[in-house]
Amino acid sequence: MLKSYFKSFDDKEISYLFFEPKRTEVKKSVLIIHGMMETKERYSEFSEFLANSGYNVFIFDLSCFYFFA
């Protein structure tokens, strides 16, 4: 798992996680967008499962939601 940041259009840092398959060829990529009052960490276990099944997984915090979690 890689944890990093990117800059949004309004110059805020948005945190994201990237899960990459380690032993299999990449099938596809999945983008997970969390719901209200959640953060990306809630989906870490599911993201690991998908990565172990051969998928690249990206999940990021929505800019206005991580203040409430």
C-alpha atoms as a PDB file:
ATOM      1  CA  MET A   1       0.000   0.000   0.000  1.00  0.00           C
ATOM      2  CA  LEU A   2       1.229   3.437  -0.955  1.00  0.00           C
ATOM      3  CA  LYS A   3      -0.070   6.465   0.925  1.00  0.00           C
ATOM      4  CA  SER A   4       0.430   9.828  -0.738  1.00  0.00           C
ATOM      5  CA  TYR A   5      -1.173  13.176  -1.603  1.00  0.00           C
ATOM      6  CA  PHE A   6      -2.157  15.155  -4.673  1.00  0.00           C
ATOM      7  CA  LYS A   7      -3.088  18.826  -5.003  1.00  0.00           C
ATOM      8  CA  SER A   8      -6.713  19.656  -5.730  1.00  0.00           C
ATOM      9  CA  PHE A   9      -7.899  22.471  -7.993  1.00  0.00           C
ATOM     10  CA  ASP A  10      -8.082  24.791  -4.958  1.00  0.00           C
ATOM     11  CA  ASP A  11      -4.517  23.865  -3.864  1.00  0.00           C
ATOM     12  CA  LYS A  12      -5.544  21.572  -0.968  1.00  0.00           C
ATOM     13  CA  GLU A  13      -3.688  18.324  -0.352  1.00  0.00           C
ATOM     14  CA  ILE A  14      -5.925  15.297  -0.864  1.00  0.00           C
ATOM     15  CA  SER A  15      -4.757  12.047   0.704  1.00  0.00           C
ATOM     16  CA  TYR A  16      -5.003   8.793  -1.248  1.00  0.00           C
ATOM     17  CA  LEU A  17      -4.091   5.129  -0.943  1.00  0.00           C
ATOM     18  CA  PHE A  18      -2.912   2.895  -3.781  1.00  0.00           C
ATOM     19  CA  PHE A  19      -3.023  -0.899  -3.499  1.00  0.00           C
ATOM     20  CA  GLU A  20      -1.154  -2.890  -6.129  1.00  0.00           C
ATOM     21  CA  PRO A  21      -1.235  -6.635  -6.855  1.00  0.00           C
ATOM     22  CA  LYS A  22       2.016  -8.219  -5.731  1.00  0.00           C
ATOM     23  CA  ARG A  23       1.880 -11.694  -7.250  1.00  0.00           C
ATOM     24  CA  THR A  24      -0.505 -11.492 -10.172  1.00  0.00           C
ATOM     25  CA  GLU A  25      -0.820  -9.616 -13.410  1.00  0.00           C
ATOM     26  CA  VAL A  26      -3.056  -6.543 -13.177  1.00  0.00           C
ATOM     27  CA  LYS A  27      -6.584  -7.254 -14.439  1.00  0.00           C
ATOM     28  CA  LYS A  28      -8.125  -3.782 -14.174  1.00  0.00           C
ATOM     29  CA  SER A  29      -8.103  -0.713 -11.939  1.00  0.00           C
ATOM     30  CA  VAL A  30     -10.750   0.118  -9.348  1.00  0.00           C
ATOM     31  CA  LEU A  31     -11.520   3.549  -7.897  1.00  0.00           C
ATOM     32  CA  ILE A  32     -13.319   3.510  -4.538  1.00  0.00           C
ATOM     33  CA  ILE A  33     -15.089   6.661  -3.366  1.00  0.00           C
ATOM     34  CA  HIS A  34     -16.200   6.579   0.250  1.00  0.00           C
ATOM     35  CA  GLY A  35     -19.559   7.697   1.584  1.00  0.00           C
ATOM     36  CA  MET A  36     -20.574  10.488   3.882  1.00  0.00           C
ATOM     37  CA  MET A  37     -18.907  10.557   7.334  1.00  0.00           C
ATOM     38  CA  GLU A  38     -16.280   7.983   6.250  1.00  0.00           C
ATOM     39  CA  THR A  39     -12.619   8.048   5.281  1.00  0.00           C
ATOM     40  CA  LYS A  40     -10.586   5.987   2.860  1.00  0.00           C
ATOM     41  CA  GLU A  41      -9.188   3.818   5.671  1.00  0.00           C
ATOM     42  CA  ARG A  42     -12.581   2.184   6.138  1.00  0.00           C
ATOM     43  CA  TYR A  43     -12.023   0.378   2.823  1.00  0.00           C
ATOM     44  CA  SER A  44      -8.408  -0.733   3.366  1.00  0.00           C
ATOM     45  CA  GLU A  45      -9.268  -4.369   4.053  1.00  0.00           C
ATOM     46  CA  PHE A  46     -11.523  -4.581   0.981  1.00  0.00           C
ATOM     47  CA  SER A  47      -8.841  -2.843  -1.106  1.00  0.00           C
ATOM     48  CA  GLU A  48      -6.256  -5.419   0.015  1.00  0.00           C
ATOM     49  CA  PHE A  49      -8.665  -8.192  -1.004  1.00  0.00           C
ATOM     50  CA  LEU A  50      -9.091  -6.652  -4.465  1.00  0.00           C
ATOM     51  CA  ALA A  51      -5.330  -6.149  -4.865  1.00  0.00           C
ATOM     52  CA  ASN A  52      -4.703  -9.773  -3.890  1.00  0.00           C
ATOM     53  CA  SER A  53      -7.237 -10.725  -6.580  1.00  0.00           C
ATOM     54  CA  GLY A  54      -5.258  -8.860  -9.258  1.00  0.00           C
ATOM     55  CA  TYR A  55      -6.711  -5.340  -9.269  1.00  0.00           C
ATOM     56  CA  ASN A  56      -5.063  -1.947  -8.862  1.00  0.00           C
ATOM     57  CA  VAL A  57      -7.099  -0.033  -6.263  1.00  0.00           C
ATOM     58  CA  PHE A  58      -7.154   3.722  -5.745  1.00  0.00           C
ATOM     59  CA  ILE A  59      -9.074   5.318  -2.896  1.00  0.00           C
ATOM     60  CA  PHE A  60      -8.950   8.946  -1.803  1.00  0.00           C
ATOM     61  CA  ASP A  61     -10.511  11.179   0.796  1.00  0.00           C
ATOM     62  CA  LEU A  62     -13.101  13.587  -0.495  1.00  0.00           C
ATOM     63  CA  SER A  63     -11.861  17.069   0.353  1.00  0.00           C
ATOM     64  CA  CYS A  64     -14.754  18.054   2.617  1.00  0.00           C
ATOM     65  CA  PHE A  65     -15.383  14.733   4.406  1.00  0.00           C
ATOM     66  CA  TYR A  66     -12.123  13.920   6.173  1.00  0.00           C
ATOM     67  CA  PHE A  67     -12.678  16.746   8.680  1.00  0.00           C
ATOM     68  CA  PHE A  68     -15.662  14.889  10.159  1.00  0.00           C
ATOM     69  CA  ALA A  69     -14.428  11.316  10.431  1.00  0.00           C
END
